[in-house]
N, C-alpha and C. Protein backbone atom coordinates (compact mmCIF):
# COMPACT_ATOMS: atom_id res chain seq x y z
N MET A 1 129.38 -5.13 -18.87
CA MET A 1 128.31 -6.37 -18.33
C MET A 1 126.79 -6.65 -18.78
N PRO A 2 126.42 -7.76 -19.38
CA PRO A 2 125.28 -8.04 -19.94
C PRO A 2 124.19 -7.31 -19.33
N SER A 3 122.98 -6.95 -20.03
CA SER A 3 121.74 -6.76 -19.04
C SER A 3 121.22 -8.04 -18.62
N GLN A 4 120.19 -8.10 -17.75
CA GLN A 4 119.43 -8.88 -17.19
C GLN A 4 118.54 -9.13 -17.99
N PRO A 5 118.01 -10.66 -18.52
CA PRO A 5 116.89 -10.83 -19.22
C PRO A 5 115.26 -10.25 -18.20
N ASP A 6 114.34 -10.18 -18.61
CA ASP A 6 113.08 -9.71 -17.72
C ASP A 6 112.15 -10.88 -17.82
N ARG A 7 112.29 -12.08 -17.57
CA ARG A 7 111.50 -13.42 -16.95
C ARG A 7 112.32 -14.22 -16.13
N ARG A 8 111.22 -15.37 -15.84
CA ARG A 8 111.63 -16.28 -14.65
C ARG A 8 112.47 -17.29 -15.36
N ASP A 9 113.34 -17.78 -14.31
CA ASP A 9 114.06 -19.00 -14.52
C ASP A 9 113.06 -19.88 -15.24
N ASP A 10 113.97 -20.88 -16.26
CA ASP A 10 113.71 -22.08 -16.74
C ASP A 10 112.20 -21.49 -18.14
N GLY A 11 112.12 -20.06 -18.39
CA GLY A 11 110.96 -19.79 -19.11
C GLY A 11 111.49 -19.99 -20.36
N PRO A 12 111.06 -20.11 -21.61
CA PRO A 12 111.26 -20.65 -22.87
C PRO A 12 111.83 -19.03 -23.28
N ALA A 13 112.98 -19.32 -23.98
CA ALA A 13 113.48 -17.91 -24.49
C ALA A 13 112.46 -17.03 -25.45
N THR A 14 111.61 -17.44 -26.08
CA THR A 14 110.58 -17.38 -26.57
C THR A 14 109.48 -16.16 -25.91
N THR A 15 109.83 -16.30 -24.56
CA THR A 15 108.79 -15.57 -24.01
C THR A 15 109.10 -13.78 -23.74
N SER A 16 110.05 -13.40 -24.49
CA SER A 16 110.50 -11.96 -24.10
C SER A 16 110.43 -11.76 -25.95
N ARG A 17 110.45 -10.42 -26.24
CA ARG A 17 110.24 -9.71 -27.65
C ARG A 17 112.23 -9.84 -27.83
N ASP A 18 112.65 -9.69 -26.73
CA ASP A 18 114.09 -9.76 -27.12
C ASP A 18 114.73 -11.09 -27.41
N SER A 19 114.25 -11.86 -26.88
CA SER A 19 114.67 -13.81 -26.93
C SER A 19 114.06 -13.90 -28.47
N ASP A 20 112.83 -13.23 -28.67
CA ASP A 20 112.58 -13.76 -30.05
C ASP A 20 113.36 -13.42 -31.02
N ARG A 21 114.18 -12.13 -31.01
CA ARG A 21 114.34 -11.39 -32.05
C ARG A 21 116.18 -12.28 -32.15
N GLN A 22 116.59 -13.01 -30.85
CA GLN A 22 118.00 -13.53 -30.85
C GLN A 22 117.46 -14.43 -31.61
N ALA A 23 116.40 -15.24 -31.09
CA ALA A 23 116.38 -16.68 -31.80
C ALA A 23 116.04 -16.97 -33.08
N GLU A 24 115.30 -15.68 -33.81
CA GLU A 24 115.21 -15.29 -35.20
C GLU A 24 116.86 -15.61 -35.83
N ALA A 25 117.35 -14.55 -35.05
CA ALA A 25 119.03 -14.33 -35.75
C ALA A 25 119.82 -15.81 -35.68
N VAL A 26 119.37 -16.87 -34.58
CA VAL A 26 120.19 -17.88 -34.63
C VAL A 26 119.73 -18.74 -35.74
N ALA A 27 118.47 -18.76 -35.89
CA ALA A 27 117.73 -19.76 -37.03
C ALA A 27 117.34 -19.28 -38.11
N GLY A 28 117.37 -20.00 -38.97
CA GLY A 28 116.41 -19.54 -40.52
C GLY A 28 115.15 -20.06 -40.26
N ASP A 29 114.49 -19.74 -41.22
CA ASP A 29 113.00 -20.06 -41.62
C ASP A 29 112.93 -21.48 -41.27
N GLU A 30 113.54 -22.65 -41.82
CA GLU A 30 113.14 -24.14 -41.60
C GLU A 30 113.64 -24.82 -40.25
N SER A 31 114.13 -23.91 -39.21
CA SER A 31 114.72 -24.71 -38.07
C SER A 31 113.57 -24.82 -36.89
N ALA A 32 113.74 -25.44 -36.09
CA ALA A 32 113.22 -25.42 -34.97
C ALA A 32 114.10 -24.91 -34.03
N ILE A 33 113.41 -24.19 -33.15
CA ILE A 33 114.01 -23.24 -32.20
C ILE A 33 113.96 -23.64 -30.65
N VAL A 34 114.88 -23.84 -29.77
CA VAL A 34 114.91 -24.04 -28.55
C VAL A 34 115.27 -23.27 -27.50
N GLY A 35 114.44 -22.59 -26.83
CA GLY A 35 115.27 -21.70 -25.58
C GLY A 35 114.79 -22.00 -24.23
N ARG A 36 115.73 -22.09 -23.36
CA ARG A 36 115.74 -22.26 -21.79
C ARG A 36 116.56 -21.52 -21.14
N THR A 37 115.83 -20.92 -19.88
CA THR A 37 117.13 -20.48 -19.05
C THR A 37 116.93 -20.90 -17.28
N VAL A 38 117.98 -20.92 -16.80
CA VAL A 38 118.00 -21.17 -15.59
C VAL A 38 119.17 -20.58 -14.73
N THR A 39 118.74 -20.48 -13.29
CA THR A 39 119.63 -19.70 -12.69
C THR A 39 120.46 -20.55 -11.97
N ILE A 40 121.89 -20.57 -11.63
CA ILE A 40 122.83 -21.39 -11.34
C ILE A 40 123.62 -20.50 -10.27
N ASN A 41 123.71 -21.01 -8.87
CA ASN A 41 124.45 -20.54 -7.98
C ASN A 41 125.50 -20.35 -7.96
N ARG A 42 126.34 -19.84 -9.25
CA ARG A 42 127.81 -19.72 -9.31
C ARG A 42 128.14 -18.32 -10.24
N PRO A 43 129.49 -17.68 -9.67
CA PRO A 43 129.53 -16.82 -10.77
C PRO A 43 129.85 -17.06 -12.51
N ARG A 44 129.85 -15.87 -13.05
CA ARG A 44 129.42 -15.97 -14.56
C ARG A 44 130.70 -16.82 -14.94
N GLU A 45 131.91 -16.43 -14.50
CA GLU A 45 133.19 -16.59 -14.93
C GLU A 45 133.28 -18.35 -14.81
N GLU A 46 133.07 -18.49 -13.65
CA GLU A 46 133.31 -20.18 -13.45
C GLU A 46 132.16 -21.14 -14.53
N ILE A 47 131.11 -20.75 -14.72
CA ILE A 47 130.13 -21.18 -15.56
C ILE A 47 130.64 -21.10 -17.19
N TYR A 48 131.30 -20.22 -17.19
CA TYR A 48 131.63 -19.85 -18.75
C TYR A 48 132.76 -20.69 -18.73
N ALA A 49 133.53 -21.00 -18.19
CA ALA A 49 134.69 -22.08 -18.10
C ALA A 49 134.57 -23.00 -18.18
N PHE A 50 133.47 -23.64 -17.52
CA PHE A 50 133.10 -24.92 -17.22
C PHE A 50 132.54 -25.50 -18.87
N TRP A 51 131.54 -24.48 -19.64
CA TRP A 51 131.00 -24.58 -20.81
C TRP A 51 131.99 -24.78 -21.65
N ARG A 52 132.96 -23.50 -21.97
CA ARG A 52 133.81 -23.26 -22.74
C ARG A 52 134.71 -24.65 -23.29
N ASP A 53 134.91 -25.71 -21.76
CA ASP A 53 135.51 -26.66 -22.51
C ASP A 53 134.58 -27.89 -22.89
N PHE A 54 134.19 -27.69 -24.07
CA PHE A 54 133.11 -28.66 -24.42
C PHE A 54 133.09 -30.09 -23.60
N SER A 55 134.61 -30.59 -23.76
CA SER A 55 134.13 -31.99 -23.22
C SER A 55 134.00 -31.98 -21.78
N ASN A 56 133.49 -30.78 -21.15
CA ASN A 56 132.73 -31.15 -19.76
C ASN A 56 131.14 -31.42 -19.99
N LEU A 57 131.02 -30.88 -21.19
CA LEU A 57 129.28 -30.99 -21.29
C LEU A 57 128.77 -32.56 -21.83
N ALA A 58 129.78 -33.53 -22.34
CA ALA A 58 129.07 -34.67 -22.20
C ALA A 58 128.98 -35.63 -20.94
N GLY A 59 129.38 -35.13 -19.98
CA GLY A 59 129.10 -35.79 -18.87
C GLY A 59 127.62 -34.94 -18.26
N ILE A 60 127.28 -34.02 -19.02
CA ILE A 60 125.89 -33.28 -18.46
C ILE A 60 125.13 -33.32 -19.30
N MET A 61 125.17 -33.81 -20.53
CA MET A 61 123.98 -33.58 -21.48
C MET A 61 123.81 -35.21 -21.56
N GLU A 62 122.61 -35.81 -21.25
CA GLU A 62 122.05 -36.94 -21.07
C GLU A 62 122.44 -37.52 -22.85
N ASN A 63 121.99 -37.06 -23.85
CA ASN A 63 121.81 -37.74 -24.97
C ASN A 63 123.58 -37.61 -25.84
N VAL A 64 124.37 -36.95 -24.94
CA VAL A 64 125.83 -36.63 -25.69
C VAL A 64 126.46 -38.13 -25.42
N GLU A 65 127.03 -38.71 -26.18
CA GLU A 65 127.73 -39.64 -26.13
C GLU A 65 128.95 -39.58 -26.10
N ARG A 66 129.85 -38.46 -26.66
CA ARG A 66 130.91 -37.88 -26.63
C ARG A 66 131.02 -36.66 -27.30
N ILE A 67 132.49 -35.76 -27.05
CA ILE A 67 132.50 -34.50 -27.29
C ILE A 67 134.27 -34.61 -27.62
N ASP A 68 134.39 -34.41 -28.92
CA ASP A 68 135.97 -34.43 -28.94
C ASP A 68 136.48 -32.87 -29.24
N VAL A 69 136.87 -32.65 -28.48
CA VAL A 69 137.65 -30.90 -28.65
C VAL A 69 138.76 -31.29 -29.55
N ILE A 70 138.64 -30.48 -30.80
CA ILE A 70 139.69 -30.56 -32.18
C ILE A 70 140.63 -29.54 -31.83
N ASP A 71 140.24 -28.29 -31.48
CA ASP A 71 141.07 -26.92 -31.38
C ASP A 71 140.31 -26.01 -30.48
N SER A 72 140.68 -25.04 -30.21
CA SER A 72 140.10 -23.76 -29.40
C SER A 72 138.69 -23.47 -30.21
N ASP A 73 138.46 -23.81 -31.53
CA ASP A 73 137.30 -23.27 -31.85
C ASP A 73 136.50 -24.23 -32.57
N ARG A 74 136.69 -25.62 -32.22
CA ARG A 74 136.41 -26.49 -33.05
C ARG A 74 135.94 -27.72 -32.46
N SER A 75 134.86 -28.33 -32.50
CA SER A 75 134.49 -29.71 -31.33
C SER A 75 133.80 -30.80 -32.44
N HIS A 76 133.86 -31.76 -32.30
CA HIS A 76 133.09 -32.78 -32.98
C HIS A 76 132.14 -33.66 -31.81
N TRP A 77 130.90 -33.64 -32.36
CA TRP A 77 130.10 -34.01 -31.14
C TRP A 77 129.20 -35.24 -31.85
N VAL A 78 129.00 -36.26 -30.89
CA VAL A 78 128.14 -37.51 -31.18
C VAL A 78 127.23 -37.71 -30.40
N VAL A 79 125.96 -37.62 -31.17
CA VAL A 79 124.82 -37.79 -30.08
C VAL A 79 123.80 -38.74 -30.32
N LYS A 80 123.04 -39.35 -29.36
CA LYS A 80 122.13 -40.38 -29.56
C LYS A 80 120.89 -39.58 -30.15
N ALA A 81 120.58 -40.47 -30.99
CA ALA A 81 118.92 -40.20 -31.64
C ALA A 81 118.14 -41.35 -31.49
N PRO A 82 116.86 -41.10 -31.98
CA PRO A 82 115.65 -42.49 -32.10
C PRO A 82 116.38 -42.84 -32.64
N GLY A 83 115.94 -44.46 -32.28
CA GLY A 83 116.15 -45.79 -33.08
C GLY A 83 117.12 -46.45 -32.93
N GLY A 84 118.32 -46.24 -31.73
CA GLY A 84 119.66 -46.68 -31.38
C GLY A 84 120.71 -45.96 -32.57
N LYS A 85 120.10 -44.93 -32.82
CA LYS A 85 121.11 -44.11 -33.65
C LYS A 85 122.13 -43.25 -33.38
N THR A 86 122.96 -42.84 -34.03
CA THR A 86 123.49 -41.48 -33.72
C THR A 86 123.45 -40.38 -34.76
N VAL A 87 123.69 -39.48 -34.53
CA VAL A 87 124.22 -38.24 -35.34
C VAL A 87 125.18 -37.39 -34.92
N GLU A 88 125.89 -37.02 -35.58
CA GLU A 88 127.24 -36.22 -35.82
C GLU A 88 127.39 -35.01 -36.31
N TRP A 89 128.23 -34.33 -35.78
CA TRP A 89 128.84 -32.69 -36.48
C TRP A 89 129.91 -32.04 -35.56
N ASP A 90 130.72 -31.54 -36.74
CA ASP A 90 131.59 -30.73 -36.20
C ASP A 90 130.83 -29.15 -35.51
N ALA A 91 131.04 -28.65 -34.62
CA ALA A 91 130.86 -27.37 -34.26
C ALA A 91 131.68 -26.75 -34.36
N ILE A 92 131.67 -25.37 -34.62
CA ILE A 92 132.69 -24.21 -34.57
C ILE A 92 131.96 -23.11 -34.00
N VAL A 93 133.06 -22.42 -33.07
CA VAL A 93 132.77 -21.20 -32.17
C VAL A 93 132.65 -20.13 -33.47
N THR A 94 131.48 -19.50 -33.04
CA THR A 94 131.06 -18.19 -33.66
C THR A 94 131.12 -16.95 -33.08
N ASP A 95 131.03 -17.06 -31.61
CA ASP A 95 131.09 -15.86 -31.10
C ASP A 95 131.79 -16.35 -29.77
N ASP A 96 132.25 -15.27 -28.72
CA ASP A 96 133.32 -15.92 -27.75
C ASP A 96 133.21 -14.33 -26.69
N ILE A 97 132.61 -14.43 -25.89
CA ILE A 97 133.11 -13.15 -25.06
C ILE A 97 133.09 -13.61 -23.71
N PRO A 98 134.21 -13.99 -23.13
CA PRO A 98 134.88 -14.51 -21.70
C PRO A 98 133.57 -13.87 -20.55
N GLY A 99 133.27 -15.16 -20.23
CA GLY A 99 132.25 -14.72 -18.86
C GLY A 99 130.89 -14.07 -19.27
N GLN A 100 130.35 -14.24 -20.53
CA GLN A 100 129.46 -13.80 -21.07
C GLN A 100 128.64 -14.55 -22.14
N LEU A 101 129.15 -15.21 -23.03
CA LEU A 101 128.48 -15.33 -24.27
C LEU A 101 129.36 -16.59 -25.20
N ILE A 102 128.87 -17.58 -25.66
CA ILE A 102 129.48 -18.47 -26.21
C ILE A 102 128.40 -18.71 -27.41
N GLY A 103 128.83 -18.95 -28.82
CA GLY A 103 128.19 -19.16 -29.95
C GLY A 103 128.36 -20.08 -30.88
N TRP A 104 127.71 -20.76 -31.57
CA TRP A 104 128.33 -21.84 -32.08
C TRP A 104 127.31 -21.90 -33.39
N ALA A 105 128.24 -22.74 -34.36
CA ALA A 105 127.16 -23.56 -35.50
C ALA A 105 128.30 -24.71 -36.16
N SER A 106 126.90 -25.72 -36.52
CA SER A 106 127.51 -27.07 -36.89
C SER A 106 128.30 -26.41 -38.34
N ASP A 107 129.11 -27.30 -38.74
CA ASP A 107 130.04 -27.16 -39.63
C ASP A 107 129.03 -28.06 -41.34
N ASP A 108 129.66 -27.55 -42.20
CA ASP A 108 129.27 -28.45 -43.16
C ASP A 108 129.51 -29.69 -43.20
N GLY A 109 127.82 -30.39 -43.84
CA GLY A 109 128.17 -31.78 -43.83
C GLY A 109 127.32 -32.31 -42.02
N ALA A 110 127.35 -31.72 -41.50
CA ALA A 110 126.54 -32.19 -40.42
C ALA A 110 125.39 -32.92 -40.49
N ASP A 111 125.11 -33.95 -39.53
CA ASP A 111 123.81 -34.61 -39.63
C ASP A 111 122.80 -34.08 -39.32
N VAL A 112 122.85 -32.95 -38.35
CA VAL A 112 121.70 -31.94 -38.11
C VAL A 112 122.49 -30.83 -37.89
N ASN A 113 122.06 -29.87 -38.90
CA ASN A 113 122.55 -28.54 -38.90
C ASN A 113 121.71 -27.84 -37.75
N ASN A 114 122.86 -27.06 -36.98
CA ASN A 114 122.41 -26.57 -35.56
C ASN A 114 122.91 -25.46 -35.35
N SER A 115 123.01 -24.38 -34.53
CA SER A 115 123.39 -23.30 -34.51
C SER A 115 122.97 -22.83 -33.00
N GLY A 116 123.69 -22.18 -32.01
CA GLY A 116 123.06 -21.83 -30.63
C GLY A 116 124.09 -20.88 -30.31
N ARG A 117 123.42 -20.28 -29.10
CA ARG A 117 124.56 -19.48 -28.08
C ARG A 117 123.94 -19.84 -26.79
N VAL A 118 125.09 -19.40 -25.95
CA VAL A 118 124.93 -19.33 -24.28
C VAL A 118 125.30 -17.92 -23.53
N GLU A 119 124.20 -17.59 -23.07
CA GLU A 119 124.68 -16.33 -22.57
C GLU A 119 124.71 -16.11 -21.00
N LEU A 120 125.59 -15.73 -20.60
CA LEU A 120 125.60 -15.34 -18.98
C LEU A 120 125.25 -14.02 -18.41
N PHE A 121 124.18 -14.04 -17.45
CA PHE A 121 123.94 -12.53 -16.90
C PHE A 121 124.01 -12.74 -15.51
N ASP A 122 124.02 -11.76 -14.61
CA ASP A 122 124.22 -11.77 -13.41
C ASP A 122 122.91 -12.14 -12.92
N ALA A 123 122.82 -12.62 -11.98
CA ALA A 123 121.37 -12.92 -11.25
C ALA A 123 120.98 -12.19 -10.50
N ALA A 124 119.91 -11.70 -9.54
CA ALA A 124 119.84 -10.92 -8.38
C ALA A 124 120.88 -11.02 -7.21
N PRO A 125 121.43 -10.30 -6.37
CA PRO A 125 122.40 -10.14 -5.63
C PRO A 125 122.36 -11.47 -4.57
N GLY A 126 123.35 -12.40 -4.68
CA GLY A 126 123.16 -13.56 -3.92
C GLY A 126 122.72 -14.53 -4.48
N ARG A 127 122.27 -14.55 -5.57
CA ARG A 127 121.65 -15.88 -6.38
C ARG A 127 122.60 -16.42 -7.66
N GLY A 128 123.86 -15.79 -8.12
CA GLY A 128 124.22 -16.13 -8.99
C GLY A 128 124.22 -15.87 -10.36
N THR A 129 123.98 -16.64 -11.37
CA THR A 129 124.10 -16.33 -12.73
C THR A 129 122.89 -16.99 -13.35
N MET A 130 122.17 -16.26 -14.43
CA MET A 130 121.17 -16.69 -15.21
C MET A 130 121.74 -17.09 -16.46
N VAL A 131 121.66 -18.75 -16.91
CA VAL A 131 122.02 -18.79 -17.85
C VAL A 131 120.91 -19.43 -19.06
N ARG A 132 120.89 -18.55 -20.39
CA ARG A 132 119.82 -18.29 -21.29
C ARG A 132 120.51 -19.43 -22.41
N ALA A 133 120.36 -20.49 -22.99
CA ALA A 133 120.60 -20.99 -23.93
C ALA A 133 119.41 -20.95 -24.95
N THR A 134 119.86 -20.75 -26.13
CA THR A 134 119.20 -20.63 -27.55
C THR A 134 119.66 -21.67 -28.50
N ILE A 135 119.15 -22.47 -28.93
CA ILE A 135 119.28 -23.41 -30.02
C ILE A 135 118.75 -23.67 -31.06
N ALA A 136 119.16 -23.46 -32.23
CA ALA A 136 118.14 -23.94 -33.71
C ALA A 136 118.92 -25.25 -34.33
N TYR A 137 117.79 -25.68 -34.76
CA TYR A 137 118.28 -27.00 -35.33
C TYR A 137 117.04 -27.39 -36.63
N ASP A 138 117.98 -28.07 -37.26
CA ASP A 138 116.71 -28.66 -38.58
C ASP A 138 116.65 -30.18 -38.31
N PRO A 139 115.32 -30.42 -37.80
CA PRO A 139 115.34 -31.98 -37.25
C PRO A 139 115.40 -32.81 -38.57
N PRO A 140 115.81 -33.97 -38.36
CA PRO A 140 116.35 -34.79 -39.34
C PRO A 140 114.78 -35.32 -39.78
N ALA A 141 114.64 -35.73 -41.05
CA ALA A 141 113.39 -36.25 -41.30
C ALA A 141 112.18 -35.55 -41.10
N GLY A 142 112.38 -34.23 -40.89
CA GLY A 142 111.36 -33.16 -41.29
C GLY A 142 110.18 -33.46 -39.78
N ILE A 143 109.00 -33.25 -40.10
CA ILE A 143 108.02 -33.24 -39.00
C ILE A 143 107.86 -34.70 -38.32
N ILE A 144 108.09 -35.90 -39.25
CA ILE A 144 108.35 -37.40 -38.97
C ILE A 144 109.32 -37.37 -38.19
N GLY A 145 110.34 -37.20 -38.56
CA GLY A 145 111.22 -37.01 -37.11
C GLY A 145 110.98 -36.24 -35.98
N GLU A 146 110.42 -35.08 -36.22
CA GLU A 146 110.09 -34.31 -34.71
C GLU A 146 109.26 -35.57 -33.82
N TRP A 147 108.08 -36.17 -34.51
CA TRP A 147 107.24 -36.65 -33.80
C TRP A 147 107.88 -37.93 -33.21
N ILE A 148 108.63 -38.80 -33.93
CA ILE A 148 109.44 -40.00 -33.36
C ILE A 148 110.23 -39.54 -32.38
N ALA A 149 111.05 -38.60 -32.36
CA ALA A 149 111.78 -37.85 -31.41
C ALA A 149 111.11 -37.35 -29.68
N LYS A 150 109.85 -36.75 -30.36
CA LYS A 150 109.20 -36.36 -28.98
C LYS A 150 108.68 -38.04 -28.23
N PHE A 151 108.22 -38.95 -29.24
CA PHE A 151 107.94 -40.12 -28.97
C PHE A 151 108.95 -40.83 -28.14
N LEU A 152 109.93 -40.82 -28.38
CA LEU A 152 111.08 -41.69 -27.68
C LEU A 152 111.50 -40.62 -26.68
N GLN A 153 111.55 -39.49 -26.18
CA GLN A 153 111.88 -38.55 -25.45
C GLN A 153 113.12 -38.27 -25.68
N ARG A 154 113.52 -37.70 -26.80
CA ARG A 154 114.65 -37.53 -27.49
C ARG A 154 114.54 -36.04 -28.22
N GLU A 155 113.34 -35.60 -27.92
CA GLU A 155 112.93 -34.27 -28.33
C GLU A 155 113.97 -32.95 -27.70
N PRO A 156 114.30 -32.19 -28.43
CA PRO A 156 115.48 -31.38 -27.71
C PRO A 156 114.80 -30.13 -27.04
N ASN A 157 113.58 -29.71 -27.31
CA ASN A 157 112.98 -28.90 -26.07
C ASN A 157 113.13 -29.52 -24.93
N LEU A 158 112.99 -30.85 -24.67
CA LEU A 158 112.43 -31.43 -23.23
C LEU A 158 114.16 -31.45 -22.99
N GLN A 159 114.92 -32.31 -23.57
CA GLN A 159 116.27 -32.15 -23.42
C GLN A 159 117.03 -31.06 -22.87
N ALA A 160 116.83 -30.15 -23.57
CA ALA A 160 117.24 -28.78 -23.30
C ALA A 160 117.27 -28.33 -21.80
N ARG A 161 115.84 -28.72 -21.59
CA ARG A 161 115.37 -28.33 -19.91
C ARG A 161 116.16 -29.41 -18.96
N ARG A 162 116.18 -30.35 -19.36
CA ARG A 162 116.98 -31.51 -18.40
C ARG A 162 118.04 -31.30 -18.38
N ASP A 163 118.90 -31.30 -19.67
CA ASP A 163 120.45 -30.68 -19.46
C ASP A 163 120.91 -29.80 -18.55
N LEU A 164 119.87 -28.41 -18.63
CA LEU A 164 120.47 -27.24 -18.40
C LEU A 164 120.32 -27.76 -16.38
N ARG A 165 119.26 -28.47 -16.13
CA ARG A 165 118.84 -28.75 -14.83
C ARG A 165 120.20 -29.62 -14.15
N ARG A 166 120.51 -30.45 -14.95
CA ARG A 166 121.45 -31.24 -14.61
C ARG A 166 123.03 -30.39 -14.40
N LEU A 167 122.81 -29.52 -15.20
CA LEU A 167 124.23 -28.45 -15.52
C LEU A 167 124.19 -27.69 -14.29
N LYS A 168 122.80 -27.09 -13.77
CA LYS A 168 122.73 -26.67 -12.37
C LYS A 168 123.14 -27.31 -11.35
N GLN A 169 122.66 -28.62 -11.52
CA GLN A 169 122.78 -29.65 -10.16
C GLN A 169 124.46 -29.82 -10.13
N PHE A 170 124.89 -30.04 -11.02
CA PHE A 170 126.37 -30.19 -11.31
C PHE A 170 127.46 -29.34 -10.82
N LEU A 171 126.99 -27.91 -11.06
CA LEU A 171 127.92 -26.82 -10.79
C LEU A 171 127.76 -26.52 -9.46
N GLU A 172 126.06 -26.68 -8.87
CA GLU A 172 126.08 -26.43 -8.01
C GLU A 172 126.39 -27.40 -6.28
N THR A 173 126.41 -28.67 -6.83
CA THR A 173 126.83 -29.37 -5.67
C THR A 173 127.70 -30.45 -6.09
N GLY A 174 128.38 -30.68 -7.30
CA GLY A 174 129.66 -31.34 -7.83
C GLY A 174 129.19 -32.55 -8.49
N GLU A 175 127.95 -33.23 -8.28
CA GLU A 175 127.42 -34.41 -8.67
C GLU A 175 125.79 -34.32 -9.41
N ILE A 176 125.94 -35.12 -10.07
CA ILE A 176 124.32 -35.33 -10.78
C ILE A 176 123.99 -36.36 -10.03
N THR A 177 122.96 -36.55 -8.99
CA THR A 177 122.18 -37.21 -8.21
C THR A 177 121.35 -38.02 -9.17
N SER A 178 120.85 -37.73 -10.10
CA SER A 178 120.10 -38.60 -11.05
C SER A 178 119.78 -38.48 -12.44
N SER A 179 119.38 -39.22 -13.50
CA SER A 179 118.89 -39.05 -14.49
C SER A 179 117.64 -38.73 -14.79
N ALA A 180 116.91 -38.98 -13.72
CA ALA A 180 115.48 -38.42 -13.54
C ALA A 180 115.13 -37.06 -13.99
N SER A 181 113.93 -37.04 -14.39
CA SER A 181 113.07 -35.55 -14.58
C SER A 181 113.37 -34.58 -13.55
N PRO A 182 113.66 -33.23 -13.77
CA PRO A 182 113.42 -32.21 -12.56
C PRO A 182 112.36 -32.56 -11.81
N SER A 183 111.35 -33.19 -12.18
CA SER A 183 110.25 -33.26 -11.17
C SER A 183 110.75 -34.83 -9.85
N GLY A 184 111.66 -35.64 -10.66
CA GLY A 184 111.84 -36.83 -10.12
C GLY A 184 111.20 -37.86 -10.44
N ARG A 185 110.19 -37.78 -11.56
CA ARG A 185 109.79 -39.01 -12.14
C ARG A 185 110.75 -39.34 -13.19
N LYS A 186 110.61 -40.48 -13.71
CA LYS A 186 111.62 -41.18 -14.29
C LYS A 186 111.29 -40.40 -15.85
N SER A 187 110.22 -40.21 -16.07
CA SER A 187 110.48 -39.36 -17.60
C SER A 187 109.09 -38.46 -17.93
N GLU A 188 108.82 -37.95 -18.57
CA GLU A 188 107.98 -36.57 -18.70
C GLU A 188 107.36 -36.84 -20.34
N SER A 189 105.88 -36.68 -20.46
CA SER A 189 105.28 -36.63 -21.47
C SER A 189 105.67 -35.60 -22.68
N PRO A 190 105.89 -35.56 -23.64
CA PRO A 190 106.01 -34.39 -24.51
C PRO A 190 104.79 -33.32 -24.28
N THR A 191 103.49 -33.64 -23.25
CA THR A 191 102.68 -32.44 -23.31
C THR A 191 103.20 -31.66 -21.59
N GLU A 192 103.83 -32.54 -21.27
CA GLU A 192 104.65 -31.75 -19.79
C GLU A 192 105.76 -30.92 -20.10
N GLN A 193 106.06 -30.47 -21.43
CA GLN A 193 107.26 -29.89 -21.83
C GLN A 193 106.96 -28.40 -21.12
N ALA A 194 105.79 -27.69 -21.53
CA ALA A 194 105.86 -26.30 -21.42
C ALA A 194 105.80 -26.13 -19.90
N LEU A 195 106.65 -24.74 -19.97
CA LEU A 195 107.13 -24.34 -18.30
C LEU A 195 106.08 -23.22 -18.17
């Protein structure tokens, strides 16, 4: 059974030394890193099974247009980008421990090189599972691309938080009642990202 992380829900993965080392292992020097944790009142095995069927994620992640499952280890992602464009890549599963961990990396030729992992830990008794997602990506168009993405609310750090909240809502209630931000407002400015 994996050890339990030592921080509060929704804290960025970079708030603990252990998570810093994991994030560095996921990304190279040129990548941006996104890390988020949420507690979902469901067993690890149920969350793992839902996530492992990558086609489920298109209904949860706001900016994902579609995910085509190619085989048990490969999937093709089409994701909304700023300016009405899309980016695409094939993802390959690199680590898979049922009920505990799923790791992936984009294949050669991706519009956005990325890698990541989702780790599942038992939360306090009766609270379900802590889901920690760490994603590394090379922003397209460098710093200008990051600025445009933040301006247009497509910034991956903000989206990761929203998507994990939507996952929590769906797995706990069976539906997503709003595409609004977790606070209930229609949008959040990039300065409101910090948790």
